[in-house]
Structures are given as structure tokens and as C-alpha cells.
Amino acid sequence: MGYFHHQGCCQLPPDLDRVTETLISLGKSPNVAAVLVVSLGRGAPQGFPTMPVLKVCGNPNTYERMSHDMDINAGRIITGEKSIEEVGEEAFSAILDLLSGKQTKNETLGYHSSIDIYTLGPVI
């Protein structure tokens, strides 16, 4: 299931509440294998306590700075190192690996807390 929200880092209630409730419900279900795939540009050190978080970073500078915490470097698309299809295949393969028991980078670091940042103004 894909679950998208339009506010990104500027997510405010009630959208934040809806997303949080959905993710917690998915994580609590014994019949669901769930992976949260998050696309990042500036990086974020969060995890999620009830399911693995696969971090896809679209900014090559951020990935270089935070490679210990990011799972996929999608910034290779804009640098010309990989195509969209190649990075998509890498992400799909990573999801299958996670659903088979492999850990994400934030799981290997032991970071399972989620953080919520409320932004009331513009983000630069």
C-alpha cells in the first residue's frame, strides 16, 4: 500500500495525526509485513518503533554527509551515475530484503525513536 501526504517536512495536524495513526495501526497488525519508505533531501535521523524505515536520499551531498544513516542514494540519478529505473530496482530489492529480515541502517544503529518536527513557517 502506498500512503502519500503532501506536506512533507511541514506536516501539521490533522494530516500528521492521520499518518501517525495509519502507521501505528500497520505496525500493530500481526498479519502485515510493513516497511516505511521515506524520501529525504536534507536528511532526518528518525526511525519508527513498529516497522523498518527505508531512507531514500535524493540529495547527493546529504547522502555523502549522512551515509551511515541513509539506505539508498537516489542522488545518483541527478549526478548521472544511475538511471531512475536502476535506483527504483535498488529500492524494490531493498524492500524485499527488509521484508525478509534484513535491517535498515537506522535499525543497525539502534535508532528506533520517531521524531515529529512542526514547522509553522517557510522552510528554506
Foldseek 3Di string as FASTA:
>chain_A
DDDDDDQPLQDDPPVVVVVVVVVVVQLPDPVHQDEAEDEAAQDDQAAAQRHGYAYEYLHQVNCVVPVLRHHHDNVCCVVVNDPPVVSVVVVVVVVVVVSVPDHHSSVVVVHHHGDRDHDPDDDD
